[in-house]
C-alpha atoms as a PDB file:
ATOM      1  CA  MET A   1     113.435 116.922 100.218  1.00  0.00           C
ATOM      2  CA  ILE A   2     111.662 117.549 103.371  1.00  0.00           C
ATOM      3  CA  ALA A   3     108.061 116.521 104.181  1.00  0.00           C
ATOM      4  CA  LYS A   4     105.806 117.321 106.906  1.00  0.00           C
ATOM      5  CA  VAL A   5     104.455 114.612 108.529  1.00  0.00           C
ATOM      6  CA  THR A   6     100.670 115.473 109.371  1.00  0.00           C
ATOM      7  CA  GLU A   7      97.876 113.578 111.504  1.00  0.00           C
ATOM      8  CA  HIS A   8      97.252 111.444 107.913  1.00  0.00           C
ATOM      9  CA  GLY A   9     100.523 110.487 107.263  1.00  0.00           C
ATOM     10  CA  ILE A  10     102.816 112.194 104.486  1.00  0.00           C
ATOM     11  CA  LEU A  11     102.249 113.061 101.142  1.00  0.00           C
ATOM     12  CA  VAL A  12     105.044 111.950  98.324  1.00  0.00           C
ATOM     13  CA  PRO A  13     104.974 113.545  95.372  1.00  0.00           C
ATOM     14  CA  ARG A  14     103.856 111.405  92.086  1.00  0.00           C
ATOM     15  CA  ARG A  15     106.764 113.151  90.317  1.00  0.00           C
ATOM     16  CA  LEU A  16     109.338 111.035  92.573  1.00  0.00           C
ATOM     17  CA  LEU A  17     107.077 107.512  91.846  1.00  0.00           C
ATOM     18  CA  LYS A  18     107.111 108.101  87.782  1.00  0.00           C
ATOM     19  CA  GLY A  19     105.993 104.875  86.808  1.00  0.00           C
ATOM     20  CA  ILE A  20     105.908 102.965  89.853  1.00  0.00           C
ATOM     21  CA  MET A  21     102.272 101.548  90.983  1.00  0.00           C
ATOM     22  CA  GLN A  22     102.996  99.818  94.241  1.00  0.00           C
ATOM     23  CA  VAL A  23     105.746 100.347  97.025  1.00  0.00           C
ATOM     24  CA  GLU A  24     106.313  98.388 100.306  1.00  0.00           C
ATOM     25  CA  ILE A  25     106.983 100.297 103.116  1.00  0.00           C
ATOM     26  CA  ARG A  26     109.630  98.880 105.510  1.00  0.00           C
ATOM     27  CA  GLN A  27     110.319 100.470 109.095  1.00  0.00           C
ATOM     28  CA  SER A  28     113.760  99.972 110.978  1.00  0.00           C
ATOM     29  CA  ARG A  29     115.208 100.579 114.111  1.00  0.00           C
ATOM     30  CA  LYS A  30     116.138 104.090 112.086  1.00  0.00           C
ATOM     31  CA  ARG A  31     114.092 104.985 109.090  1.00  0.00           C
ATOM     32  CA  ILE A  32     110.985 104.178 106.643  1.00  0.00           C
ATOM     33  CA  THR A  33     112.173 103.093 103.026  1.00  0.00           C
ATOM     34  CA  LEU A  34     109.663 103.180 100.514  1.00  0.00           C
ATOM     35  CA  VAL A  35     110.616  99.603  97.765  1.00  0.00           C
ATOM     36  CA  PRO A  36     108.989  99.815  94.431  1.00  0.00           C
ATOM     37  CA  VAL A  37     107.446  96.353  93.915  1.00  0.00           C
ATOM     38  CA  SER A  38     107.837  95.414  91.051  1.00  0.00           C
ATOM     39  CA  ASN A  39     105.162  93.795  88.873  1.00  0.00           C
ATOM     40  CA  ALA A  40     107.654  90.912  87.291  1.00  0.00           C
ATOM     41  CA  ASP A  41     107.415  88.749  90.473  1.00  0.00           C
ATOM     42  CA  PRO A  42     105.827  85.727  88.662  1.00  0.00           C
ATOM     43  CA  ILE A  43     104.323  84.709  92.377  1.00  0.00           C
ATOM     44  CA  ARG A  44     101.733  87.799  91.221  1.00  0.00           C
ATOM     45  CA  LYS A  45     100.643  86.353  88.719  1.00  0.00           C
ATOM     46  CA  LEU A  46      99.479  83.143  90.444  1.00  0.00           C
ATOM     47  CA  GLY A  47      95.648  82.258  90.020  1.00  0.00           C
ATOM     48  CA  ARG A  48      95.064  84.640  87.360  1.00  0.00           C
ATOM     49  CA  LYS A  49      94.431  81.749  84.803  1.00  0.00           C
ATOM     50  CA  PRO A  50      92.813  78.541  87.134  1.00  0.00           C
ATOM     51  CA  VAL A  51      93.328  75.324  85.536  1.00  0.00           C
ATOM     52  CA  ARG A  52      89.837  73.948  84.736  1.00  0.00           C
ATOM     53  CA  CYS A  53      89.663  70.390  86.048  1.00  0.00           C
ATOM     54  CA  GLY A  54      85.871  69.379  86.616  1.00  0.00           C
ATOM     55  CA  LEU A  55      86.675  69.128  90.450  1.00  0.00           C
ATOM     56  CA  ASN A  56      84.312  71.374  92.769  1.00  0.00           C
ATOM     57  CA  ASP A  57      86.487  70.879  95.599  1.00  0.00           C
ATOM     58  CA  GLY A  58      89.687  71.168  94.350  1.00  0.00           C
ATOM     59  CA  SER A  59      90.658  74.532  96.668  1.00  0.00           C
ATOM     60  CA  VAL A  60      89.208  72.216  99.719  1.00  0.00           C
ATOM     61  CA  ARG A  61      91.086  69.123  98.992  1.00  0.00           C
ATOM     62  CA  HIS A  62      93.999  70.034  97.146  1.00  0.00           C
ATOM     63  CA  ASP A  63      96.244  68.133  99.041  1.00  0.00           C
ATOM     64  CA  ASP A  64      94.025  64.787  98.735  1.00  0.00           C
ATOM     65  CA  TYR A  65      94.358  65.395  94.772  1.00  0.00           C
ATOM     66  CA  LEU A  66      97.944  65.495  94.585  1.00  0.00           C
ATOM     67  CA  TYR A  67      99.061  62.889  97.079  1.00  0.00           C
ATOM     68  CA  GLY A  68      96.760  60.320  95.071  1.00  0.00           C
ATOM     69  CA  ARG A  69      94.703  60.610  98.302  1.00  0.00           C
ATOM     70  CA  ALA A  70      91.562  61.028  96.457  1.00  0.00           C
ATOM     71  CA  ALA A  71      88.460  58.555  97.378  1.00  0.00           C
END
């Protein structure tokens, strides 16, 4: 397939992206590659179910709490 690059970029037909929700665009010296982003990556789930511990400053003083330096 050949596609024309316009002032807005390039349009990739949806049929080529069936089942893909996100792609990472990678550029090397000689090519541009679209890489599907897997939703199965566990790092993408961080923060979806935060732990409730009754602290109001956990995001600011997390190191203190993790390493026992809490006053």
